Protein backbone atom coordinates (compact mmCIF):
# COMPACT_ATOMS: atom_id res chain seq x y z
CA MET A 1 21.89 129.12 46.01
CA GLU A 2 21.09 129.49 49.69
CA ARG A 3 18.10 131.68 50.57
CA ARG A 4 18.27 133.72 53.79
CA CYS A 5 15.84 136.05 55.44
CA VAL A 6 15.96 138.35 58.45
CA LEU A 7 13.56 137.47 61.25
CA ASN A 8 11.95 140.69 62.40
CA SER A 9 10.33 139.39 65.57
CA TRP A 10 12.09 137.39 68.26
CA SER A 11 12.11 137.02 72.02
CA LYS A 12 15.03 137.39 74.40
CA GLU A 13 14.61 133.76 75.36
CA GLU A 14 14.81 132.64 71.73
CA VAL A 15 18.05 134.53 71.17
CA ARG A 16 19.52 133.23 74.42
CA ALA A 17 18.62 129.67 73.41
CA VAL A 18 20.47 130.16 70.13
CA ILE A 19 23.48 131.51 72.03
CA ARG A 20 23.40 128.54 74.40
CA TYR A 21 23.16 126.08 71.51
CA GLU A 22 26.02 127.66 69.57
CA TRP A 23 28.12 128.01 72.74
CA ALA A 24 27.58 124.29 73.46
CA ARG A 25 28.83 123.52 69.96
CA GLY A 26 32.05 125.42 70.73
CA VAL A 27 31.36 128.45 68.54
CA SER A 28 33.13 131.66 69.64
CA GLY A 29 31.17 134.58 71.03
CA THR A 30 32.14 136.77 68.09
CA GLU A 31 30.96 134.18 65.57
CA ILE A 32 27.73 133.66 67.52
CA HIS A 33 27.11 137.41 67.36
CA ASN A 34 27.80 137.46 63.62
CA ARG A 35 25.32 134.63 63.08
CA LEU A 36 22.67 136.33 65.23
CA VAL A 37 23.02 139.58 63.28
CA GLU A 38 22.81 137.65 60.02
CA VAL A 39 19.48 136.06 60.98
CA TYR A 40 17.86 138.59 63.36
CA GLY A 41 19.34 141.88 62.12
CA PRO A 42 21.77 144.36 63.69
CA GLY A 43 19.51 145.27 66.62
CA VAL A 44 19.40 141.77 68.06
CA MET A 45 22.05 141.96 70.80
CA SER A 46 25.45 143.57 71.29
CA LYS A 47 28.61 141.52 70.94
CA GLN A 48 29.48 142.25 74.58
CA MET A 49 26.13 140.88 75.74
CA VAL A 50 26.64 137.71 73.68
CA TRP A 51 30.04 137.28 75.36
CA ARG A 52 28.41 137.83 78.76
CA TRP A 53 25.81 135.14 78.05
CA CYS A 54 28.52 132.73 76.88
CA ARG A 55 30.39 133.34 80.14
CA THR A 56 27.17 132.86 82.11
CA PHE A 57 26.54 129.51 80.42
CA SER A 58 30.19 128.55 81.06
CA ASP A 59 29.61 129.30 84.74
CA GLY A 60 26.84 126.69 84.79
CA ARG A 61 23.62 128.53 84.07
CA GLN A 62 21.12 126.32 82.27
CA GLN A 63 17.98 128.39 81.80
CA VAL A 64 17.47 131.09 79.20
CA GLU A 65 14.51 132.69 80.97
CA ASP A 66 14.90 135.76 83.16
CA ILE A 67 15.52 135.01 86.82
CA SER A 68 13.05 136.80 89.06
CA ARG A 69 14.79 139.06 91.49
CA ALA A 70 13.89 141.29 94.38
CA GLY A 71 13.61 144.97 93.79
CA ARG A 72 11.22 147.72 93.12
CA THR A 73 7.96 146.55 91.67
CA ARG A 74 6.81 147.85 88.34
CA THR A 75 4.23 150.58 88.35
CA ALA A 76 1.84 151.65 85.66
CA THR A 77 1.29 155.33 85.04
CA THR A 78 -1.67 155.74 82.74
CA ASP A 79 -4.04 158.61 82.14
CA ALA A 80 -6.75 156.63 83.92
CA ASN A 81 -4.55 156.07 87.01
CA VAL A 82 -3.47 159.71 87.12
CA GLY A 83 -7.10 160.78 86.87
CA LYS A 84 -8.16 158.50 89.75
CA VAL A 85 -5.38 159.81 92.01
CA ASP A 86 -6.24 163.39 91.10
CA ASP A 87 -9.90 162.75 91.95
CA MET A 88 -8.94 161.22 95.31
CA ILE A 89 -6.77 164.21 96.20
CA ARG A 90 -9.43 166.70 95.21
CA ALA A 91 -12.01 164.80 97.28
CA ASN A 92 -9.79 164.68 100.37
CA ARG A 93 -7.02 167.28 100.55
CA ARG A 94 -5.45 165.52 103.56
CA ILE A 95 -4.31 162.60 101.40
CA THR A 96 -0.57 162.60 100.91
CA ILE A 97 1.32 161.21 97.97
CA GLU A 98 4.48 159.19 98.44
């Protein structure tokens, strides 16, 4: 009797590595998705995204890590940051916010 368990924690890179491995073995995108759901649970990744990653690997991509890209930088809005900005504005009403 085979024992199986669902892994509750996983990273995007781990799942992508599994997809790349199974794709290299010639497993279909649908079957890869079924296997991922079996091991990682239904919230792991959509079937369409698995197909997209298979196509990406077919196009020659090797890495499973995110590729850094240009764009808007992340910002952090915390109560502490909001408080600091509020204090700055109250201290100098000529400060503008953009």
